[in-house]
């Protein structure tokens, strides 16, 4: 089974370098275009379902992709939500460095909890699809936690800045998730 994981399109906060965490920020015009490009790329393959984080930026991206790919509805899965960034939420890199020079952010979700939560959410989506190929729309931190886990930290958290609207392809077989590729742009993949 193939699992295409898409990072949501751009928001104004992405453009400004602010960490969004669980703040419910909508897509900007560039983000909507990125979602449309994703939909145009994904529509050439048969997908059985699309799942999304409940946050606006992910849900908007998923809705645009679903319409293009002729998928009747988006299933919201809460645990695909972005990492809770605690006190760092809404801050730019400069503000984070100034306010938290030790890099410790009060209230931030523990990395192991994040990784386990998102990994289980992806497996839950595979169960709901009965073996069919699926699309999952989530967030940079959430996706990177799973990439780090599956790659033994060779890629992912702290190593791989995922682009907005990028594709990561996972394969699920025999109860095991495997990375096929990650962080690919629209022009770098062909689902036709």
N, C-alpha and C. Protein backbone atom coordinates (compact mmCIF):
# COMPACT_ATOMS: atom_id res chain seq x y z
N UNK A 1 0.84 -1.18 0.00
CA UNK A 1 0.00 0.00 0.00
C UNK A 1 0.88 1.24 0.00
N UNK A 2 0.51 2.23 -0.78
CA UNK A 2 1.24 3.50 -0.86
C UNK A 2 0.56 4.57 -0.01
N UNK A 3 1.37 5.35 0.68
CA UNK A 3 0.87 6.45 1.50
C UNK A 3 1.62 7.71 1.06
N UNK A 4 0.91 8.62 0.43
CA UNK A 4 1.50 9.89 0.02
C UNK A 4 1.23 10.91 1.13
N UNK A 5 2.29 11.35 1.78
CA UNK A 5 2.17 12.32 2.87
C UNK A 5 2.54 13.70 2.32
N UNK A 6 1.63 14.64 2.45
CA UNK A 6 1.82 15.99 1.91
C UNK A 6 1.94 16.98 3.06
N UNK A 7 2.96 17.83 3.01
CA UNK A 7 3.00 18.94 3.96
C UNK A 7 2.07 20.01 3.43
N UNK A 8 1.30 20.62 4.31
CA UNK A 8 0.33 21.66 3.93
C UNK A 8 1.02 22.79 3.15
N UNK A 9 0.21 23.56 2.43
CA UNK A 9 0.72 24.72 1.70
C UNK A 9 1.14 25.85 2.64
N UNK A 10 1.74 26.85 2.05
CA UNK A 10 2.31 27.97 2.82
C UNK A 10 1.25 28.83 3.49
N UNK A 11 1.63 29.38 4.65
CA UNK A 11 0.83 30.38 5.36
C UNK A 11 1.68 31.65 5.48
N UNK A 12 1.05 32.72 5.90
CA UNK A 12 1.82 33.95 6.15
C UNK A 12 2.85 33.74 7.25
N UNK A 13 2.53 32.91 8.22
CA UNK A 13 3.48 32.64 9.30
C UNK A 13 4.67 31.84 8.78
N UNK A 14 4.44 30.90 7.85
CA UNK A 14 5.57 30.20 7.24
C UNK A 14 6.51 31.20 6.58
N UNK A 15 5.92 32.10 5.82
CA UNK A 15 6.70 33.10 5.10
C UNK A 15 7.51 33.97 6.06
N UNK A 16 6.94 34.29 7.22
CA UNK A 16 7.62 35.14 8.20
C UNK A 16 8.59 34.35 9.09
N UNK A 17 8.61 33.02 8.95
CA UNK A 17 9.51 32.20 9.76
C UNK A 17 9.00 31.93 11.16
N UNK A 18 7.72 32.20 11.40
CA UNK A 18 7.15 31.94 12.73
C UNK A 18 6.79 30.47 12.88
N UNK A 19 7.07 29.93 14.06
CA UNK A 19 6.62 28.58 14.36
C UNK A 19 5.13 28.62 14.65
N UNK A 20 4.37 27.77 13.96
CA UNK A 20 2.92 27.79 14.09
C UNK A 20 2.38 26.84 15.14
N UNK A 21 3.02 25.68 15.27
CA UNK A 21 2.51 24.71 16.22
C UNK A 21 1.03 24.45 16.00
N UNK A 22 0.26 24.61 17.04
CA UNK A 22 -1.18 24.33 16.96
C UNK A 22 -2.01 25.58 16.70
N UNK A 23 -1.35 26.70 16.43
CA UNK A 23 -2.09 27.91 16.05
C UNK A 23 -2.82 27.60 14.74
N UNK A 24 -4.05 28.03 14.61
CA UNK A 24 -4.87 27.64 13.46
C UNK A 24 -4.80 28.71 12.36
N UNK A 25 -3.70 28.71 11.64
CA UNK A 25 -3.42 29.72 10.63
C UNK A 25 -3.86 29.20 9.25
N UNK A 26 -4.59 30.00 8.46
CA UNK A 26 -5.03 29.55 7.14
C UNK A 26 -3.92 29.66 6.10
N UNK A 27 -4.14 29.02 4.97
CA UNK A 27 -3.23 29.14 3.83
C UNK A 27 -3.25 30.57 3.31
N UNK A 28 -2.11 31.02 2.77
CA UNK A 28 -2.10 32.27 2.01
C UNK A 28 -2.29 31.92 0.53
N UNK A 29 -2.23 32.90 -0.34
CA UNK A 29 -2.47 32.63 -1.78
C UNK A 29 -1.44 31.65 -2.34
N UNK A 30 -0.19 31.80 -1.94
CA UNK A 30 0.85 30.87 -2.40
C UNK A 30 0.52 29.46 -1.93
N UNK A 31 0.08 29.32 -0.68
CA UNK A 31 -0.30 28.02 -0.14
C UNK A 31 -1.45 27.38 -0.89
N UNK A 32 -2.42 28.19 -1.28
CA UNK A 32 -3.54 27.65 -2.07
C UNK A 32 -3.07 27.17 -3.43
N UNK A 33 -2.15 27.92 -4.05
CA UNK A 33 -1.58 27.49 -5.33
C UNK A 33 -0.79 26.20 -5.17
N UNK A 34 -0.01 26.10 -4.10
CA UNK A 34 0.74 24.87 -3.85
C UNK A 34 -0.20 23.68 -3.71
N UNK A 35 -1.31 23.86 -3.00
CA UNK A 35 -2.29 22.79 -2.84
C UNK A 35 -2.90 22.41 -4.19
N UNK A 36 -3.17 23.42 -5.03
CA UNK A 36 -3.70 23.14 -6.37
C UNK A 36 -2.70 22.35 -7.20
N UNK A 37 -1.41 22.70 -7.12
CA UNK A 37 -0.38 21.96 -7.85
C UNK A 37 -0.31 20.52 -7.35
N UNK A 38 -0.42 20.34 -6.05
CA UNK A 38 -0.43 18.98 -5.48
C UNK A 38 -1.63 18.20 -6.03
N UNK A 39 -2.79 18.83 -6.03
CA UNK A 39 -3.99 18.18 -6.55
C UNK A 39 -3.86 17.80 -8.01
N UNK A 40 -3.27 18.71 -8.81
CA UNK A 40 -3.07 18.44 -10.24
C UNK A 40 -2.12 17.26 -10.45
N UNK A 41 -1.13 17.13 -9.57
CA UNK A 41 -0.18 16.02 -9.66
C UNK A 41 -0.82 14.72 -9.21
N UNK A 42 -1.58 14.76 -8.12
CA UNK A 42 -2.14 13.55 -7.53
C UNK A 42 -3.37 13.02 -8.25
N UNK A 43 -4.01 13.85 -9.05
CA UNK A 43 -5.27 13.43 -9.68
C UNK A 43 -5.09 12.34 -10.75
N UNK A 44 -3.86 12.09 -11.15
CA UNK A 44 -3.61 11.11 -12.21
C UNK A 44 -3.49 9.68 -11.69
N UNK A 45 -3.64 9.50 -10.39
CA UNK A 45 -3.58 8.17 -9.78
C UNK A 45 -4.86 7.96 -8.97
N UNK A 46 -5.24 6.71 -8.84
CA UNK A 46 -6.42 6.37 -8.04
C UNK A 46 -6.03 6.34 -6.56
N UNK A 47 -6.69 7.16 -5.75
CA UNK A 47 -6.47 7.19 -4.30
C UNK A 47 -7.77 6.77 -3.63
N UNK A 48 -7.66 5.97 -2.61
CA UNK A 48 -8.85 5.45 -1.95
C UNK A 48 -9.39 6.37 -0.87
N UNK A 49 -8.52 7.20 -0.29
CA UNK A 49 -8.97 8.10 0.78
C UNK A 49 -7.94 9.18 0.99
N UNK A 50 -8.40 10.27 1.62
CA UNK A 50 -7.50 11.34 2.03
C UNK A 50 -7.80 11.69 3.49
N UNK A 51 -6.73 11.81 4.28
CA UNK A 51 -6.82 12.10 5.70
C UNK A 51 -6.07 13.39 5.98
N UNK A 52 -6.52 14.13 6.99
CA UNK A 52 -5.90 15.42 7.29
C UNK A 52 -5.88 15.71 8.77
N UNK A 53 -4.88 16.49 9.15
CA UNK A 53 -4.87 17.15 10.46
C UNK A 53 -6.09 18.08 10.50
N UNK A 54 -6.60 18.39 11.70
CA UNK A 54 -7.75 19.28 11.79
C UNK A 54 -7.41 20.76 11.62
N UNK A 55 -6.13 21.14 11.63
CA UNK A 55 -5.79 22.56 11.53
C UNK A 55 -6.10 23.09 10.13
N UNK A 56 -6.55 24.35 10.06
CA UNK A 56 -7.01 24.96 8.80
C UNK A 56 -6.04 24.78 7.65
N UNK A 57 -4.76 25.02 7.88
CA UNK A 57 -3.79 24.98 6.78
C UNK A 57 -3.69 23.60 6.17
N UNK A 58 -3.81 22.56 6.99
CA UNK A 58 -3.79 21.19 6.47
C UNK A 58 -5.12 20.82 5.84
N UNK A 59 -6.20 21.17 6.52
CA UNK A 59 -7.54 20.82 6.03
C UNK A 59 -7.83 21.52 4.70
N UNK A 60 -7.45 22.80 4.57
CA UNK A 60 -7.63 23.52 3.30
C UNK A 60 -6.84 22.83 2.19
N UNK A 61 -5.60 22.46 2.49
CA UNK A 61 -4.77 21.77 1.51
C UNK A 61 -5.43 20.46 1.10
N UNK A 62 -5.90 19.69 2.07
CA UNK A 62 -6.55 18.41 1.79
C UNK A 62 -7.83 18.59 0.98
N UNK A 63 -8.62 19.61 1.30
CA UNK A 63 -9.87 19.85 0.56
C UNK A 63 -9.58 20.16 -0.91
N UNK A 64 -8.56 20.96 -1.17
CA UNK A 64 -8.20 21.31 -2.55
C UNK A 64 -7.71 20.07 -3.30
N UNK A 65 -6.88 19.27 -2.64
CA UNK A 65 -6.38 18.03 -3.27
C UNK A 65 -7.53 17.07 -3.53
N UNK A 66 -8.41 16.90 -2.56
CA UNK A 66 -9.55 15.97 -2.69
C UNK A 66 -10.42 16.34 -3.88
N UNK A 67 -10.68 17.63 -4.04
CA UNK A 67 -11.51 18.06 -5.16
C UNK A 67 -10.84 17.73 -6.49
N UNK A 68 -9.55 18.01 -6.61
CA UNK A 68 -8.82 17.74 -7.85
C UNK A 68 -8.72 16.24 -8.13
N UNK A 69 -8.50 15.45 -7.08
CA UNK A 69 -8.29 14.01 -7.22
C UNK A 69 -9.59 13.21 -7.18
N UNK A 70 -10.71 13.92 -7.14
CA UNK A 70 -12.03 13.29 -7.15
C UNK A 70 -12.22 12.31 -5.98
N UNK A 71 -11.79 12.75 -4.80
CA UNK A 71 -12.00 11.98 -3.58
C UNK A 71 -13.18 12.64 -2.86
N UNK A 72 -14.24 11.89 -2.56
CA UNK A 72 -15.48 12.50 -2.07
C UNK A 72 -15.37 13.34 -0.80
N UNK A 73 -14.53 12.92 0.15
CA UNK A 73 -14.46 13.69 1.39
C UNK A 73 -13.11 13.48 2.07
N UNK A 74 -12.78 14.44 2.92
CA UNK A 74 -11.56 14.39 3.71
C UNK A 74 -11.91 13.88 5.10
N UNK A 75 -11.15 12.91 5.58
CA UNK A 75 -11.33 12.38 6.93
C UNK A 75 -10.33 13.08 7.84
N UNK A 76 -10.82 13.75 8.86
CA UNK A 76 -9.96 14.45 9.81
C UNK A 76 -9.52 13.48 10.91
N UNK A 77 -8.21 13.45 11.14
CA UNK A 77 -7.63 12.60 12.18
C UNK A 77 -6.86 13.53 13.12
N UNK A 78 -7.36 13.67 14.33
CA UNK A 78 -6.79 14.64 15.26
C UNK A 78 -5.29 14.44 15.48
N UNK A 79 -4.85 13.21 15.59
CA UNK A 79 -3.44 12.95 15.94
C UNK A 79 -2.46 13.24 14.81
N UNK A 80 -2.93 13.69 13.66
CA UNK A 80 -2.04 14.17 12.60
C UNK A 80 -1.69 15.65 12.81
N UNK A 81 -2.22 16.23 13.88
CA UNK A 81 -2.01 17.64 14.20
C UNK A 81 -0.52 17.92 14.44
N UNK A 82 -0.13 19.18 14.28
CA UNK A 82 1.26 19.58 14.48
C UNK A 82 1.66 19.48 15.95
N UNK A 83 2.95 19.47 16.17
CA UNK A 83 3.52 19.43 17.52
C UNK A 83 3.07 20.66 18.31
N UNK A 84 2.74 20.44 19.56
CA UNK A 84 2.44 21.56 20.45
C UNK A 84 3.78 22.20 20.81
N UNK A 85 3.96 23.45 20.42
CA UNK A 85 5.25 24.13 20.61
C UNK A 85 5.31 24.93 21.89
N UNK A 86 4.27 24.90 22.69
CA UNK A 86 4.27 25.60 23.96
C UNK A 86 4.58 27.07 23.80
N UNK A 87 5.50 27.58 24.61
CA UNK A 87 5.83 29.01 24.64
C UNK A 87 6.51 29.49 23.36
N UNK A 88 7.00 28.59 22.52
CA UNK A 88 7.67 28.98 21.28
C UNK A 88 6.69 29.26 20.14
N UNK A 89 5.43 28.90 20.33
CA UNK A 89 4.43 29.08 19.29
C UNK A 89 4.28 30.56 18.92
N UNK A 90 4.32 30.84 17.64
CA UNK A 90 4.15 32.20 17.14
C UNK A 90 5.41 33.03 17.11
N UNK A 91 6.53 32.46 17.52
CA UNK A 91 7.77 33.23 17.58
C UNK A 91 8.64 33.00 16.34
N UNK A 92 9.35 34.05 15.94
CA UNK A 92 10.33 33.96 14.86
C UNK A 92 11.61 33.34 15.41
N UNK A 93 12.55 32.93 14.54
CA UNK A 93 13.82 32.38 15.04
C UNK A 93 14.56 33.35 15.97
N UNK A 94 14.55 34.63 15.62
CA UNK A 94 15.23 35.64 16.45
C UNK A 94 14.58 35.75 17.83
N UNK A 95 13.25 35.74 17.85
CA UNK A 95 12.53 35.82 19.13
C UNK A 95 12.78 34.58 19.98
N UNK A 96 12.80 33.42 19.35
CA UNK A 96 13.06 32.18 20.09
C UNK A 96 14.46 32.22 20.71
N UNK A 97 15.43 32.66 19.93
CA UNK A 97 16.81 32.72 20.41
C UNK A 97 16.95 33.71 21.57
N UNK A 98 16.27 34.85 21.44
CA UNK A 98 16.35 35.88 22.48
C UNK A 98 15.64 35.45 23.76
N UNK A 99 14.45 34.90 23.64
CA UNK A 99 13.65 34.53 24.81
C UNK A 99 14.06 33.20 25.44
N UNK A 100 14.58 32.30 24.62
CA UNK A 100 14.93 30.96 25.11
C UNK A 100 16.32 30.57 24.58
N UNK A 101 17.37 31.24 25.04
CA UNK A 101 18.71 30.98 24.52
C UNK A 101 19.19 29.54 24.73
N UNK A 102 18.60 28.84 25.69
CA UNK A 102 19.00 27.45 25.94
C UNK A 102 18.27 26.48 25.00
N UNK A 103 17.34 27.00 24.17
CA UNK A 103 16.61 26.15 23.24
C UNK A 103 15.56 25.27 23.89
N UNK A 104 15.24 25.53 25.14
CA UNK A 104 14.20 24.77 25.85
C UNK A 104 12.95 25.63 25.93
N UNK A 105 11.86 25.09 25.38
CA UNK A 105 10.62 25.85 25.28
C UNK A 105 9.58 25.27 26.23
N UNK A 106 9.19 26.01 27.26
CA UNK A 106 8.19 25.51 28.21
C UNK A 106 6.90 25.10 27.49
N UNK A 107 6.40 23.93 27.84
CA UNK A 107 5.13 23.46 27.29
C UNK A 107 5.23 22.74 25.96
N UNK A 108 6.44 22.60 25.40
CA UNK A 108 6.58 21.92 24.11
C UNK A 108 6.34 20.42 24.28
N UNK A 109 5.60 19.86 23.33
CA UNK A 109 5.32 18.43 23.34
C UNK A 109 6.63 17.64 23.24
N UNK A 110 6.75 16.66 24.07
CA UNK A 110 7.91 15.78 24.08
C UNK A 110 8.08 15.10 22.72
N UNK A 111 9.34 14.97 22.25
CA UNK A 111 9.59 14.42 20.91
C UNK A 111 9.11 12.97 20.80
N UNK A 112 9.36 12.15 21.80
CA UNK A 112 8.92 10.75 21.73
C UNK A 112 7.40 10.65 21.66
N UNK A 113 6.73 11.50 22.41
CA UNK A 113 5.26 11.51 22.36
C UNK A 113 4.77 11.91 20.97
N UNK A 114 5.39 12.94 20.39
CA UNK A 114 5.04 13.38 19.04
C UNK A 114 5.23 12.25 18.04
N UNK A 115 6.41 11.66 18.03
CA UNK A 115 6.74 10.59 17.09
C UNK A 115 5.75 9.43 17.21
N UNK A 116 5.49 8.99 18.44
CA UNK A 116 4.57 7.88 18.66
C UNK A 116 3.15 8.23 18.23
N UNK A 117 2.72 9.44 18.55
CA UNK A 117 1.36 9.88 18.21
C UNK A 117 1.14 9.88 16.70
N UNK A 118 2.08 10.47 15.96
CA UNK A 118 1.91 10.60 14.51
C UNK A 118 2.08 9.25 13.82
N UNK A 119 3.03 8.45 14.28
CA UNK A 119 3.22 7.11 13.71
C UNK A 119 1.94 6.29 13.86
N UNK A 120 1.36 6.30 15.06
CA UNK A 120 0.11 5.57 15.30
C UNK A 120 -1.03 6.13 14.45
N UNK A 121 -1.06 7.44 14.26
CA UNK A 121 -2.12 8.05 13.44
C UNK A 121 -2.02 7.57 11.99
N UNK A 122 -0.80 7.47 11.47
CA UNK A 122 -0.63 6.98 10.10
C UNK A 122 -1.10 5.53 10.00
N UNK A 123 -0.75 4.72 10.98
CA UNK A 123 -1.20 3.32 10.98
C UNK A 123 -2.73 3.24 11.08
N UNK A 124 -3.33 4.14 11.85
CA UNK A 124 -4.79 4.19 11.97
C UNK A 124 -5.41 4.50 10.60
N UNK A 125 -4.79 5.40 9.86
CA UNK A 125 -5.28 5.74 8.52
C UNK A 125 -5.19 4.53 7.59
N UNK A 126 -4.10 3.76 7.69
CA UNK A 126 -3.98 2.57 6.84
C UNK A 126 -5.06 1.56 7.17
N UNK A 127 -5.38 1.42 8.44
CA UNK A 127 -6.45 0.50 8.84
C UNK A 127 -7.80 0.92 8.25
N UNK A 128 -8.06 2.22 8.27
CA UNK A 128 -9.35 2.73 7.78
C UNK A 128 -9.48 2.57 6.26
N UNK A 129 -8.36 2.46 5.55
CA UNK A 129 -8.42 2.42 4.08
C UNK A 129 -8.51 1.01 3.52
N UNK A 130 -8.43 -0.01 4.38
CA UNK A 130 -8.53 -1.41 3.94
C UNK A 130 -7.53 -1.76 2.84
N UNK A 131 -6.31 -1.25 2.96
CA UNK A 131 -5.25 -1.62 2.02
C UNK A 131 -5.15 -0.78 0.77
N UNK A 132 -6.03 0.20 0.61
CA UNK A 132 -5.97 1.06 -0.57
C UNK A 132 -4.95 2.17 -0.40
N UNK A 133 -4.50 2.74 -1.50
CA UNK A 133 -3.54 3.84 -1.46
C UNK A 133 -4.20 5.11 -0.93
N UNK A 134 -3.47 5.83 -0.08
CA UNK A 134 -4.06 6.99 0.59
C UNK A 134 -3.14 8.21 0.54
N UNK A 135 -3.75 9.35 0.79
CA UNK A 135 -3.04 10.62 0.94
C UNK A 135 -3.26 11.08 2.38
N UNK A 136 -2.19 11.59 2.99
CA UNK A 136 -2.27 12.17 4.33
C UNK A 136 -1.70 13.58 4.25
N UNK A 137 -2.44 14.57 4.77
CA UNK A 137 -1.94 15.95 4.80
C UNK A 137 -1.68 16.32 6.26
N UNK A 138 -0.43 16.71 6.51
CA UNK A 138 -0.04 17.03 7.88
C UNK A 138 0.94 18.20 7.88
N UNK A 139 1.85 18.20 8.84
CA UNK A 139 2.71 19.36 9.13
C UNK A 139 4.18 18.96 9.15
N UNK A 140 5.04 19.96 8.97
CA UNK A 140 6.48 19.71 8.92
C UNK A 140 7.02 18.98 10.12
N UNK A 141 6.70 19.45 11.32
CA UNK A 141 7.20 18.80 12.53
C UNK A 141 6.68 17.39 12.69
N UNK A 142 5.41 17.20 12.41
CA UNK A 142 4.79 15.87 12.55
C UNK A 142 5.38 14.89 11.55
N UNK A 143 5.48 15.32 10.29
CA UNK A 143 6.03 14.44 9.25
C UNK A 143 7.49 14.13 9.55
N UNK A 144 8.26 15.14 9.92
CA UNK A 144 9.68 14.93 10.19
C UNK A 144 9.92 13.99 11.37
N UNK A 145 9.02 13.99 12.35
CA UNK A 145 9.19 13.08 13.49
C UNK A 145 9.11 11.63 13.02
N UNK A 146 8.20 11.36 12.10
CA UNK A 146 8.06 9.99 11.57
C UNK A 146 9.25 9.65 10.67
N UNK A 147 9.70 10.60 9.86
CA UNK A 147 10.87 10.35 9.01
C UNK A 147 12.10 10.03 9.87
N UNK A 148 12.28 10.78 10.95
CA UNK A 148 13.42 10.53 11.85
C UNK A 148 13.30 9.14 12.46
N UNK A 149 12.11 8.80 12.92
CA UNK A 149 11.88 7.49 13.53
C UNK A 149 12.15 6.35 12.55
N UNK A 150 11.60 6.45 11.34
CA UNK A 150 11.74 5.38 10.35
C UNK A 150 13.15 5.26 9.79
N UNK A 151 13.92 6.34 9.83
CA UNK A 151 15.28 6.33 9.26
C UNK A 151 16.39 6.22 10.30
N UNK A 152 16.02 5.97 11.54
CA UNK A 152 17.02 5.96 12.62
C UNK A 152 17.76 7.29 12.71
N UNK A 153 17.03 8.36 12.53
CA UNK A 153 17.51 9.74 12.66
C UNK A 153 18.50 10.15 11.56
N UNK A 154 18.52 9.45 10.43
CA UNK A 154 19.37 9.87 9.31
C UNK A 154 18.76 11.08 8.60
N UNK A 155 17.43 11.15 8.60
CA UNK A 155 16.70 12.29 8.03
C UNK A 155 15.63 12.68 9.04
N UNK A 156 14.90 13.74 8.74
CA UNK A 156 13.78 14.12 9.60
C UNK A 156 14.12 15.22 10.56
N UNK A 157 13.54 15.16 11.75
CA UNK A 157 13.64 16.20 12.76
C UNK A 157 15.07 16.69 12.94
N UNK A 158 15.26 18.01 12.77
CA UNK A 158 16.56 18.63 12.95
C UNK A 158 17.48 18.51 11.75
N UNK A 159 17.07 17.74 10.73
CA UNK A 159 17.93 17.51 9.58
C UNK A 159 17.28 17.88 8.25
N UNK A 160 15.97 17.78 8.16
CA UNK A 160 15.28 17.92 6.89
C UNK A 160 14.21 18.99 6.95
N UNK A 161 14.50 20.22 6.53
CA UNK A 161 13.42 21.21 6.47
C UNK A 161 12.50 20.87 5.29
N UNK A 162 11.29 20.45 5.60
CA UNK A 162 10.33 20.09 4.55
C UNK A 162 9.72 21.33 3.93
N UNK A 163 9.65 21.35 2.62
CA UNK A 163 9.04 22.47 1.90
C UNK A 163 7.52 22.39 1.97
N UNK A 164 6.87 23.53 1.98
CA UNK A 164 5.41 23.53 1.93
C UNK A 164 4.96 22.91 0.61
N UNK A 165 3.95 22.03 0.71
CA UNK A 165 3.41 21.37 -0.47
C UNK A 165 4.29 20.25 -1.00
N UNK A 166 5.25 19.78 -0.21
CA UNK A 166 6.12 18.69 -0.68
C UNK A 166 5.47 17.34 -0.44
N UNK A 167 5.98 16.35 -1.17
CA UNK A 167 5.50 14.97 -1.08
C UNK A 167 6.52 14.08 -0.39
N UNK A 168 6.03 13.22 0.48
CA UNK A 168 6.81 12.13 1.05
C UNK A 168 6.02 10.86 0.76
N UNK A 169 6.68 9.85 0.21
CA UNK A 169 5.98 8.60 -0.09
C UNK A 169 6.44 7.52 0.87
N UNK A 170 5.47 6.92 1.53
CA UNK A 170 5.73 5.79 2.42
C UNK A 170 5.08 4.55 1.81
N UNK A 171 5.63 3.42 2.16
CA UNK A 171 5.04 2.14 1.74
C UNK A 171 4.71 1.37 3.01
N UNK A 172 3.55 0.76 3.02
CA UNK A 172 3.14 -0.04 4.18
C UNK A 172 2.91 -1.47 3.71
N UNK A 173 3.72 -2.39 4.24
CA UNK A 173 3.59 -3.80 3.88
C UNK A 173 4.01 -4.65 5.07
N UNK A 174 3.28 -5.70 5.32
CA UNK A 174 3.62 -6.61 6.41
C UNK A 174 3.67 -5.95 7.76
N UNK A 175 2.85 -4.92 7.96
CA UNK A 175 2.81 -4.22 9.23
C UNK A 175 3.96 -3.25 9.46
N UNK A 176 4.74 -2.97 8.40
CA UNK A 176 5.91 -2.10 8.53
C UNK A 176 5.80 -0.91 7.57
N UNK A 177 6.08 0.29 8.11
CA UNK A 177 6.17 1.50 7.27
C UNK A 177 7.60 1.67 6.79
N UNK A 178 7.76 2.05 5.53
CA UNK A 178 9.08 2.25 4.95
C UNK A 178 9.05 3.53 4.11
N UNK A 179 10.13 4.30 4.16
CA UNK A 179 10.24 5.52 3.36
C UNK A 179 10.65 5.15 1.94
N UNK A 180 9.88 5.61 0.96
CA UNK A 180 10.23 5.43 -0.45
C UNK A 180 11.02 6.65 -0.91
N UNK A 181 10.49 7.85 -0.65
CA UNK A 181 11.21 9.11 -0.85
C UNK A 181 10.56 10.18 0.00
N UNK A 182 11.25 11.32 0.13
CA UNK A 182 10.74 12.38 0.98
C UNK A 182 11.12 13.74 0.43
N UNK A 183 10.31 14.75 0.80
CA UNK A 183 10.58 16.15 0.50
C UNK A 183 10.71 16.44 -0.98
N UNK A 184 9.89 15.78 -1.80
CA UNK A 184 9.91 15.99 -3.25
C UNK A 184 8.90 17.07 -3.62
N UNK A 185 9.29 17.92 -4.55
CA UNK A 185 8.40 18.97 -5.05
C UNK A 185 7.49 18.40 -6.13
N UNK A 186 6.48 19.17 -6.48
CA UNK A 186 5.51 18.75 -7.48
C UNK A 186 6.19 18.27 -8.76
N UNK A 187 7.17 18.98 -9.26
CA UNK A 187 7.81 18.60 -10.52
C UNK A 187 8.74 17.41 -10.42
N UNK A 188 9.00 16.93 -9.21
CA UNK A 188 9.96 15.83 -9.01
C UNK A 188 9.30 14.46 -8.93
N UNK A 189 7.98 14.41 -8.99
CA UNK A 189 7.27 13.13 -8.87
C UNK A 189 6.26 12.99 -9.99
N UNK A 190 5.92 11.76 -10.28
CA UNK A 190 4.91 11.46 -11.29
C UNK A 190 4.01 10.36 -10.75
N UNK A 191 2.77 10.70 -10.44
CA UNK A 191 1.83 9.70 -9.93
C UNK A 191 0.93 9.18 -11.04
N UNK A 192 1.18 9.58 -12.28
CA UNK A 192 0.33 9.19 -13.41
C UNK A 192 0.41 7.75 -13.78
